[in-house]
PDB file of N, CA and C in Angstrom:
ATOM      1  N   MET A   1       0.852  -1.186  -0.007  1.00  0.00           N
ATOM      2  CA  MET A   1       0.010   0.001   0.003  1.00  0.00           C
ATOM      3  C   MET A   1       0.880   1.241   0.000  1.00  0.00           C
ATOM      4  N   GLU A   2       0.342   2.318  -0.530  1.00  0.00           N
ATOM      5  CA  GLU A   2       1.093   3.551  -0.619  1.00  0.00           C
ATOM      6  C   GLU A   2       1.481   4.067   0.774  1.00  0.00           C
ATOM      7  N   ASN A   3       2.191   5.153   0.770  1.00  0.00           N
ATOM      8  CA  ASN A   3       2.607   5.782   2.041  1.00  0.00           C
ATOM      9  C   ASN A   3       1.418   6.074   2.922  1.00  0.00           C
ATOM     10  N   LEU A   4       1.433   5.545   4.130  1.00  0.00           N
ATOM     11  CA  LEU A   4       0.328   5.710   5.062  1.00  0.00           C
ATOM     12  C   LEU A   4       0.011   7.181   5.326  1.00  0.00           C
ATOM     13  N   GLU A   5       1.029   7.958   5.560  1.00  0.00           N
ATOM     14  CA  GLU A   5       0.834   9.366   5.866  1.00  0.00           C
ATOM     15  C   GLU A   5       0.095  10.067   4.730  1.00  0.00           C
ATOM     16  N   GLN A   6       0.504   9.774   3.505  1.00  0.00           N
ATOM     17  CA  GLN A   6      -0.140  10.396   2.340  1.00  0.00           C
ATOM     18  C   GLN A   6      -1.605   9.979   2.216  1.00  0.00           C
ATOM     19  N   LEU A   7      -1.886   8.699   2.430  1.00  0.00           N
ATOM     20  CA  LEU A   7      -3.246   8.211   2.351  1.00  0.00           C
ATOM     21  C   LEU A   7      -4.134   8.851   3.397  1.00  0.00           C
ATOM     22  N   ILE A   8      -3.596   9.032   4.592  1.00  0.00           N
ATOM     23  CA  ILE A   8      -4.360   9.651   5.662  1.00  0.00           C
ATOM     24  C   ILE A   8      -4.624  11.124   5.386  1.00  0.00           C
ATOM     25  N   LYS A   9      -3.584  11.833   4.999  1.00  0.00           N
ATOM     26  CA  LYS A   9      -3.725  13.280   4.757  1.00  0.00           C
ATOM     27  C   LYS A   9      -4.678  13.604   3.612  1.00  0.00           C
ATOM     28  N   THR A  10      -4.677  12.756   2.583  1.00  0.00           N
ATOM     29  CA  THR A  10      -5.532  13.024   1.441  1.00  0.00           C
ATOM     30  C   THR A  10      -6.955  12.467   1.618  1.00  0.00           C
ATOM     31  N   GLY A  11      -7.171  11.710   2.688  1.00  0.00           N
ATOM     32  CA  GLY A  11      -8.458  11.119   2.937  1.00  0.00           C
ATOM     33  C   GLY A  11      -8.774   9.919   2.050  1.00  0.00           C
ATOM     34  N   GLU A  12      -7.742   9.374   1.404  1.00  0.00           N
ATOM     35  CA  GLU A  12      -7.961   8.221   0.525  1.00  0.00           C
ATOM     36  C   GLU A  12      -8.229   6.933   1.293  1.00  0.00           C
ATOM     37  N   ALA A  13      -7.821   6.886   2.547  1.00  0.00           N
ATOM     38  CA  ALA A  13      -7.960   5.695   3.336  1.00  0.00           C
ATOM     39  C   ALA A  13      -8.959   5.905   4.490  1.00  0.00           C
ATOM     40  N   VAL A  14      -9.595   4.842   4.883  1.00  0.00           N
ATOM     41  CA  VAL A  14     -10.470   4.845   6.032  1.00  0.00           C
ATOM     42  C   VAL A  14      -9.645   4.340   7.212  1.00  0.00           C
ATOM     43  N   VAL A  15      -9.663   5.058   8.317  1.00  0.00           N
ATOM     44  CA  VAL A  15      -8.979   4.612   9.517  1.00  0.00           C
ATOM     45  C   VAL A  15      -9.978   3.855  10.394  1.00  0.00           C
ATOM     46  N   VAL A  16      -9.649   2.591  10.667  1.00  0.00           N
ATOM     47  CA  VAL A  16     -10.488   1.752  11.512  1.00  0.00           C
ATOM     48  C   VAL A  16      -9.728   1.471  12.804  1.00  0.00           C
ATOM     49  N   ASP A  17     -10.313   1.872  13.914  1.00  0.00           N
ATOM     50  CA  ASP A  17      -9.741   1.675  15.252  1.00  0.00           C
ATOM     51  C   ASP A  17     -10.357   0.386  15.819  1.00  0.00           C
ATOM     52  N   VAL A  18      -9.516  -0.586  16.140  1.00  0.00           N
ATOM     53  CA  VAL A  18     -10.015  -1.897  16.600  1.00  0.00           C
ATOM     54  C   VAL A  18     -10.002  -2.031  18.120  1.00  0.00           C
ATOM     55  N   ARG A  19      -9.867  -0.911  18.832  1.00  0.00           N
ATOM     56  CA  ARG A  19      -9.941  -0.947  20.298  1.00  0.00           C
ATOM     57  C   ARG A  19     -11.406  -1.091  20.744  1.00  0.00           C
ATOM     58  N   THR A  20     -11.600  -1.272  22.036  1.00  0.00           N
ATOM     59  CA  THR A  20     -12.957  -1.376  22.577  1.00  0.00           C
ATOM     60  C   THR A  20     -13.647  -0.021  22.468  1.00  0.00           C
ATOM     61  N   PRO A  21     -14.972  -0.018  22.470  1.00  0.00           N
ATOM     62  CA  PRO A  21     -15.687   1.263  22.429  1.00  0.00           C
ATOM     63  C   PRO A  21     -15.300   2.197  23.569  1.00  0.00           C
ATOM     64  N   ARG A  22     -15.035   1.665  24.741  1.00  0.00           N
ATOM     65  CA  ARG A  22     -14.632   2.487  25.883  1.00  0.00           C
ATOM     66  C   ARG A  22     -13.289   3.165  25.609  1.00  0.00           C
ATOM     67  N   GLU A  23     -12.324   2.399  25.069  1.00  0.00           N
ATOM     68  CA  GLU A  23     -11.018   2.984  24.735  1.00  0.00           C
ATOM     69  C   GLU A  23     -11.189   4.050  23.671  1.00  0.00           C
ATOM     70  N   PHE A  24     -12.010   3.757  22.670  1.00  0.00           N
ATOM     71  CA  PHE A  24     -12.233   4.681  21.564  1.00  0.00           C
ATOM     72  C   PHE A  24     -12.817   5.991  22.063  1.00  0.00           C
ATOM     73  N   MET A  25     -13.761   5.910  22.992  1.00  0.00           N
ATOM     74  CA  MET A  25     -14.365   7.134  23.540  1.00  0.00           C
ATOM     75  C   MET A  25     -13.366   7.975  24.316  1.00  0.00           C
ATOM     76  N   GLY A  26     -12.281   7.356  24.806  1.00  0.00           N
ATOM     77  CA  GLY A  26     -11.278   8.072  25.556  1.00  0.00           C
ATOM     78  C   GLY A  26     -10.348   8.880  24.670  1.00  0.00           C
ATOM     79  N   GLY A  27     -10.454   8.736  23.355  1.00  0.00           N
ATOM     80  CA  GLY A  27      -9.651   9.463  22.389  1.00  0.00           C
ATOM     81  C   GLY A  27      -9.468   8.626  21.167  1.00  0.00           C
ATOM     82  N   HIS A  28      -9.515   9.262  19.986  1.00  0.00           N
ATOM     83  CA  HIS A  28      -9.362   8.539  18.721  1.00  0.00           C
ATOM     84  C   HIS A  28      -9.022   9.516  17.608  1.00  0.00           C
ATOM     85  N   VAL A  29      -8.649   8.948  16.482  1.00  0.00           N
ATOM     86  CA  VAL A  29      -8.355   9.740  15.269  1.00  0.00           C
ATOM     87  C   VAL A  29      -9.671  10.329  14.770  1.00  0.00           C
ATOM     88  N   ALA A  30      -9.674  11.622  14.514  1.00  0.00           N
ATOM     89  CA  ALA A  30     -10.878  12.279  13.985  1.00  0.00           C
ATOM     90  C   ALA A  30     -11.306  11.596  12.683  1.00  0.00           C
ATOM     91  N   GLY A  31     -12.578  11.249  12.598  1.00  0.00           N
ATOM     92  CA  GLY A  31     -13.110  10.623  11.389  1.00  0.00           C
ATOM     93  C   GLY A  31     -12.904   9.118  11.317  1.00  0.00           C
ATOM     94  N   SER A  32     -12.261   8.552  12.322  1.00  0.00           N
ATOM     95  CA  SER A  32     -12.032   7.106  12.301  1.00  0.00           C
ATOM     96  C   SER A  32     -13.313   6.367  12.704  1.00  0.00           C
ATOM     97  N   ILE A  33     -13.335   5.089  12.357  1.00  0.00           N
ATOM     98  CA  ILE A  33     -14.467   4.214  12.636  1.00  0.00           C
ATOM     99  C   ILE A  33     -14.010   3.233  13.695  1.00  0.00           C
ATOM    100  N   ASN A  34     -14.880   2.954  14.653  1.00  0.00           N
ATOM    101  CA  ASN A  34     -14.549   1.993  15.713  1.00  0.00           C
ATOM    102  C   ASN A  34     -15.215   0.646  15.412  1.00  0.00           C
ATOM    103  N   ILE A  35     -14.411  -0.340  15.089  1.00  0.00           N
ATOM    104  CA  ILE A  35     -14.882  -1.718  14.942  1.00  0.00           C
ATOM    105  C   ILE A  35     -13.939  -2.585  15.771  1.00  0.00           C
ATOM    106  N   PRO A  36     -14.358  -2.930  16.995  1.00  0.00           N
ATOM    107  CA  PRO A  36     -13.494  -3.693  17.893  1.00  0.00           C
ATOM    108  C   PRO A  36     -13.025  -5.020  17.257  1.00  0.00           C
ATOM    109  N   LEU A  37     -11.802  -5.393  17.606  1.00  0.00           N
ATOM    110  CA  LEU A  37     -11.170  -6.593  17.038  1.00  0.00           C
ATOM    111  C   LEU A  37     -12.090  -7.799  17.115  1.00  0.00           C
ATOM    112  N   ASN A  38     -12.719  -8.040  18.250  1.00  0.00           N
ATOM    113  CA  ASN A  38     -13.544  -9.236  18.405  1.00  0.00           C
ATOM    114  C   ASN A  38     -14.811  -9.213  17.548  1.00  0.00           C
ATOM    115  N   GLU A  39     -15.170  -8.061  16.977  1.00  0.00           N
ATOM    116  CA  GLU A  39     -16.345  -7.941  16.122  1.00  0.00           C
ATOM    117  C   GLU A  39     -16.026  -8.087  14.649  1.00  0.00           C
ATOM    118  N   LEU A  40     -14.739  -8.065  14.266  1.00  0.00           N
ATOM    119  CA  LEU A  40     -14.379  -8.125  12.860  1.00  0.00           C
ATOM    120  C   LEU A  40     -15.011  -9.260  12.073  1.00  0.00           C
ATOM    121  N   PRO A  41     -14.971 -10.500  12.586  1.00  0.00           N
ATOM    122  CA  PRO A  41     -15.544 -11.606  11.794  1.00  0.00           C
ATOM    123  C   PRO A  41     -17.025 -11.407  11.458  1.00  0.00           C
ATOM    124  N   HIS A  42     -17.742 -10.661  12.299  1.00  0.00           N
ATOM    125  CA  HIS A  42     -19.177 -10.470  12.119  1.00  0.00           C
ATOM    126  C   HIS A  42     -19.505  -9.208  11.326  1.00  0.00           C
ATOM    127  N   ARG A  43     -18.485  -8.425  11.020  1.00  0.00           N
ATOM    128  CA  ARG A  43     -18.735  -7.131  10.380  1.00  0.00           C
ATOM    129  C   ARG A  43     -17.962  -6.943   9.062  1.00  0.00           C
ATOM    130  N   LEU A  44     -17.573  -8.062   8.444  1.00  0.00           N
ATOM    131  CA  LEU A  44     -16.802  -8.002   7.211  1.00  0.00           C
ATOM    132  C   LEU A  44     -17.529  -7.244   6.093  1.00  0.00           C
ATOM    133  N   GLU A  45     -18.840  -7.329   6.079  1.00  0.00           N
ATOM    134  CA  GLU A  45     -19.618  -6.655   5.040  1.00  0.00           C
ATOM    135  C   GLU A  45     -19.344  -5.160   5.016  1.00  0.00           C
ATOM    136  N   GLU A  46     -19.117  -4.569   6.167  1.00  0.00           N
ATOM    137  CA  GLU A  46     -18.848  -3.140   6.260  1.00  0.00           C
ATOM    138  C   GLU A  46     -17.551  -2.728   5.544  1.00  0.00           C
ATOM    139  N   PHE A  47     -16.619  -3.671   5.435  1.00  0.00           N
ATOM    140  CA  PHE A  47     -15.310  -3.348   4.833  1.00  0.00           C
ATOM    141  C   PHE A  47     -15.362  -3.383   3.305  1.00  0.00           C
ATOM    142  N   LYS A  48     -16.415  -3.983   2.746  1.00  0.00           N
ATOM    143  CA  LYS A  48     -16.470  -4.131   1.288  1.00  0.00           C
ATOM    144  C   LYS A  48     -16.531  -2.791   0.545  1.00  0.00           C
ATOM    145  N   SER A  49     -17.070  -1.768   1.205  1.00  0.00           N
ATOM    146  CA  SER A  49     -17.169  -0.449   0.534  1.00  0.00           C
ATOM    147  C   SER A  49     -15.910   0.381   0.715  1.00  0.00           C
ATOM    148  N   MET A  50     -14.959  -0.108   1.519  1.00  0.00           N
ATOM    149  CA  MET A  50     -13.746   0.662   1.807  1.00  0.00           C
ATOM    150  C   MET A  50     -12.638   0.230   0.858  1.00  0.00           C
ATOM    151  N   LYS A  51     -12.067   1.186   0.115  1.00  0.00           N
ATOM    152  CA  LYS A  51     -11.001   0.832  -0.838  1.00  0.00           C
ATOM    153  C   LYS A  51      -9.673   0.605  -0.113  1.00  0.00           C
ATOM    154  N   LYS A  52      -9.294   1.519   0.725  1.00  0.00           N
ATOM    155  CA  LYS A  52      -8.021   1.429   1.448  1.00  0.00           C
ATOM    156  C   LYS A  52      -8.296   1.566   2.929  1.00  0.00           C
ATOM    157  N   ILE A  53      -7.770   0.640   3.708  1.00  0.00           N
ATOM    158  CA  ILE A  53      -8.061   0.591   5.114  1.00  0.00           C
ATOM    159  C   ILE A  53      -6.760   0.681   5.913  1.00  0.00           C
ATOM    160  N   ILE A  54      -6.748   1.536   6.930  1.00  0.00           N
ATOM    161  CA  ILE A  54      -5.634   1.609   7.856  1.00  0.00           C
ATOM    162  C   ILE A  54      -6.182   1.271   9.228  1.00  0.00           C
ATOM    163  N   LEU A  55      -5.571   0.269   9.867  1.00  0.00           N
ATOM    164  CA  LEU A  55      -6.037  -0.191  11.157  1.00  0.00           C
ATOM    165  C   LEU A  55      -5.152   0.346  12.258  1.00  0.00           C
ATOM    166  N   CYS A  56      -5.740   0.651  13.390  1.00  0.00           N
ATOM    167  CA  CYS A  56      -4.950   1.125  14.527  1.00  0.00           C
ATOM    168  C   CYS A  56      -5.603   0.634  15.826  1.00  0.00           C
ATOM    169  N   CYS A  57      -4.841   0.726  16.907  1.00  0.00           N
ATOM    170  CA  CYS A  57      -5.307   0.327  18.233  1.00  0.00           C
ATOM    171  C   CYS A  57      -4.501   1.108  19.259  1.00  0.00           C
ATOM    172  N   ALA A  58      -4.279   0.521  20.433  1.00  0.00           N
ATOM    173  CA  ALA A  58      -3.503   1.233  21.450  1.00  0.00           C
ATOM    174  C   ALA A  58      -2.010   1.136  21.196  1.00  0.00           C
ATOM    175  N   SER A  59      -1.526  -0.063  20.923  1.00  0.00           N
ATOM    176  CA  SER A  59      -0.082  -0.267  20.774  1.00  0.00           C
ATOM    177  C   SER A  59       0.344  -0.806  19.413  1.00  0.00           C
ATOM    178  N   GLY A  60      -0.588  -1.338  18.671  1.00  0.00           N
ATOM    179  CA  GLY A  60      -0.261  -1.962  17.379  1.00  0.00           C
ATOM    180  C   GLY A  60      -0.453  -3.465  17.384  1.00  0.00           C
ATOM    181  N   ALA A  61      -0.658  -4.070  18.573  1.00  0.00           N
ATOM    182  CA  ALA A  61      -0.829  -5.516  18.660  1.00  0.00           C
ATOM    183  C   ALA A  61      -2.165  -5.975  18.089  1.00  0.00           C
ATOM    184  N   ARG A  62      -3.238  -5.355  18.499  1.00  0.00           N
ATOM    185  CA  ARG A  62      -4.576  -5.741  17.986  1.00  0.00           C
ATOM    186  C   ARG A  62      -4.718  -5.368  16.532  1.00  0.00           C
ATOM    187  N   SER A  63      -4.133  -4.229  16.114  1.00  0.00           N
ATOM    188  CA  SER A  63      -4.240  -3.860  14.703  1.00  0.00           C
ATOM    189  C   SER A  63      -3.429  -4.800  13.818  1.00  0.00           C
ATOM    190  N   THR A  64      -2.363  -5.392  14.362  1.00  0.00           N
ATOM    191  CA  THR A  64      -1.593  -6.411  13.623  1.00  0.00           C
ATOM    192  C   THR A  64      -2.489  -7.630  13.388  1.00  0.00           C
ATOM    193  N   GLN A  65      -3.185  -8.069  14.404  1.00  0.00           N
ATOM    194  CA  GLN A  65      -4.100  -9.186  14.259  1.00  0.00           C
ATOM    195  C   GLN A  65      -5.226  -8.882  13.264  1.00  0.00           C
ATOM    196  N   ALA A  66      -5.776  -7.666  13.380  1.00  0.00           N
ATOM    197  CA  ALA A  66      -6.870  -7.269  12.478  1.00  0.00           C
ATOM    198  C   ALA A  66      -6.389  -7.183  11.040  1.00  0.00           C
ATOM    199  N   THR A  67      -5.180  -6.661  10.837  1.00  0.00           N
ATOM    200  CA  THR A  67      -4.631  -6.564   9.489  1.00  0.00           C
ATOM    201  C   THR A  67      -4.482  -7.920   8.874  1.00  0.00           C
ATOM    202  N   ARG A  68      -3.918  -8.856   9.620  1.00  0.00           N
ATOM    203  CA  ARG A  68      -3.730 -10.224   9.138  1.00  0.00           C
ATOM    204  C   ARG A  68      -5.084 -10.862   8.797  1.00  0.00           C
ATOM    205  N   PHE A  69      -6.055 -10.709   9.682  1.00  0.00           N
ATOM    206  CA  PHE A  69      -7.378 -11.289   9.469  1.00  0.00           C
ATOM    207  C   PHE A  69      -8.048 -10.729   8.202  1.00  0.00           C
ATOM    208  N   LEU A  70      -8.028  -9.412   8.061  1.00  0.00           N
ATOM    209  CA  LEU A  70      -8.659  -8.800   6.894  1.00  0.00           C
ATOM    210  C   LEU A  70      -7.955  -9.164   5.584  1.00  0.00           C
ATOM    211  N   GLN A  71      -6.621  -9.173   5.626  1.00  0.00           N
ATOM    212  CA  GLN A  71      -5.867  -9.574   4.421  1.00  0.00           C
ATOM    213  C   GLN A  71      -6.202 -11.012   4.028  1.00  0.00           C
ATOM    214  N   GLU A  72      -6.316 -11.892   5.020  1.00  0.00           N
ATOM    215  CA  GLU A  72      -6.684 -13.297   4.726  1.00  0.00           C
ATOM    216  C   GLU A  72      -8.080 -13.402   4.134  1.00  0.00           C
ATOM    217  N   ASN A  73      -8.907 -12.390   4.363  1.00  0.00           N
ATOM    218  CA  ASN A  73     -10.254 -12.357   3.828  1.00  0.00           C
ATOM    219  C   ASN A  73     -10.366 -11.488   2.565  1.00  0.00           C
ATOM    220  N   GLY A  74      -9.227 -11.118   1.992  1.00  0.00           N
ATOM    221  CA  GLY A  74      -9.194 -10.446   0.701  1.00  0.00           C
ATOM    222  C   GLY A  74      -9.283  -8.934   0.708  1.00  0.00           C
ATOM    223  N   PHE A  75      -9.079  -8.300   1.856  1.00  0.00           N
ATOM    224  CA  PHE A  75      -9.145  -6.860   1.924  1.00  0.00           C
ATOM    225  C   PHE A  75      -7.754  -6.239   1.853  1.00  0.00           C
ATOM    226  N   GLU A  76      -7.680  -5.068   1.176  1.00  0.00           N
ATOM    227  CA  GLU A  76      -6.425  -4.327   1.090  1.00  0.00           C
ATOM    228  C   GLU A  76      -6.362  -3.428   2.327  1.00  0.00           C
ATOM    229  N   CYS A  77      -5.421  -3.712   3.211  1.00  0.00           N
ATOM    230  CA  CYS A  77      -5.334  -2.933   4.414  1.00  0.00           C
ATOM    231  C   CYS A  77      -3.883  -2.877   4.904  1.00  0.00           C
ATOM    232  N   GLU A  78      -3.675  -1.949   5.816  1.00  0.00           N
ATOM    233  CA  GLU A  78      -2.334  -1.700   6.353  1.00  0.00           C
ATOM    234  C   GLU A  78      -2.431  -1.471   7.844  1.00  0.00           C
ATOM    235  N   ASN A  79      -1.449  -1.930   8.568  1.00  0.00           N
ATOM    236  CA  ASN A  79      -1.418  -1.701  10.002  1.00  0.00           C
ATOM    237  C   ASN A  79      -0.780  -0.341  10.277  1.00  0.00           C
ATOM    238  N   GLY A  80      -1.556   0.561  10.884  1.00  0.00           N
ATOM    239  CA  GLY A  80      -1.045   1.887  11.236  1.00  0.00           C
ATOM    240  C   GLY A  80      -0.399   1.911  12.585  1.00  0.00           C
ATOM    241  N   GLY A  81      -0.571   0.838  13.390  1.00  0.00           N
ATOM    242  CA  GLY A  81      -0.014   0.786  14.734  1.00  0.00           C
ATOM    243  C   GLY A  81      -0.859   1.521  15.730  1.00  0.00           C
ATOM    244  N   SER A  82      -0.221   2.265  16.613  1.00  0.00           N
ATOM    245  CA  SER A  82      -0.920   2.999  17.644  1.00  0.00           C
ATOM    246  C   SER A  82      -1.796   4.099  17.042  1.00  0.00           C
ATOM    247  N   TRP A  83      -2.977   4.311  17.628  1.00  0.00           N
ATOM    248  CA  TRP A  83      -3.841   5.378  17.129  1.00  0.00           C
ATOM    249  C   TRP A  83      -3.193   6.717  17.321  1.00  0.00           C
ATOM    250  N   LEU A  84      -2.310   6.853  18.295  1.00  0.00           N
ATOM    251  CA  LEU A  84      -1.603   8.110  18.506  1.00  0.00           C
ATOM    252  C   LEU A  84      -0.658   8.409  17.360  1.00  0.00           C
ATOM    253  N   ASP A  85      -0.007   7.390  16.842  1.00  0.00           N
ATOM    254  CA  ASP A  85       0.883   7.587  15.657  1.00  0.00           C
ATOM    255  C   ASP A  85       0.055   7.986  14.440  1.00  0.00           C
ATOM    256  N   VAL A  86      -1.055   7.297  14.241  1.00  0.00           N
ATOM    257  CA  VAL A  86      -1.929   7.632  13.104  1.00  0.00           C
ATOM    258  C   VAL A  86      -2.457   9.034  13.260  1.00  0.00           C
ATOM    259  N   ASN A  87      -2.814   9.406  14.470  1.00  0.00           N
ATOM    260  CA  ASN A  87      -3.305  10.764  14.727  1.00  0.00           C
ATOM    261  C   ASN A  87      -2.241  11.803  14.391  1.00  0.00           C
ATOM    262  N   ASN A  88      -1.005  11.506  14.702  1.00  0.00           N
ATOM    263  CA  ASN A  88       0.107  12.430  14.359  1.00  0.00           C
ATOM    264  C   ASN A  88       0.214  12.622  12.874  1.00  0.00           C
ATOM    265  N   PHE A  89       0.020  11.557  12.103  1.00  0.00           N
ATOM    266  CA  PHE A  89       0.059  11.672  10.633  1.00  0.00           C
ATOM    267  C   PHE A  89      -1.029  12.632  10.164  1.00  0.00           C
ATOM    268  N   CYS A  90      -2.186  12.553  10.799  1.00  0.00           N
ATOM    269  CA  CYS A  90      -3.310  13.395  10.384  1.00  0.00           C
ATOM    270  C   CYS A  90      -3.091  14.866  10.688  1.00  0.00           C
ATOM    271  N   ASN A  91      -2.361  15.128  11.742  1.00  0.00           N
ATOM    272  CA  ASN A  91      -2.224  16.513  12.222  1.00  0.00           C
ATOM    273  C   ASN A  91      -0.929  17.199  11.873  1.00  0.00           C
ATOM    274  N   ASN A  92      -0.041  16.516  11.150  1.00  0.00           N
ATOM    275  CA  ASN A  92       1.247  17.127  10.759  1.00  0.00           C
ATOM    276  C   ASN A  92       1.335  17.328   9.285  1.00  0.00           C
TER     277      ASN A  92
END
């Protein structure tokens, strides 16, 4: 996938935060979507309309799992790591 920072700044990618709703409410990337890791298998239909997906979480561990799962199911996605890192890309 292209440069993450460029995709985020241009709005070409959808940022999906795989943390829990409670974590997400405590702070998240503006415009990101919250789909918790444990809900991914039941919500694959939602990803079909997304062309480029960047996944994030608290540290990068859950987004790594989510990236692997979505790629195995045929989706083009990239692990953005921590939501704080992704947020920095958006604001710089």
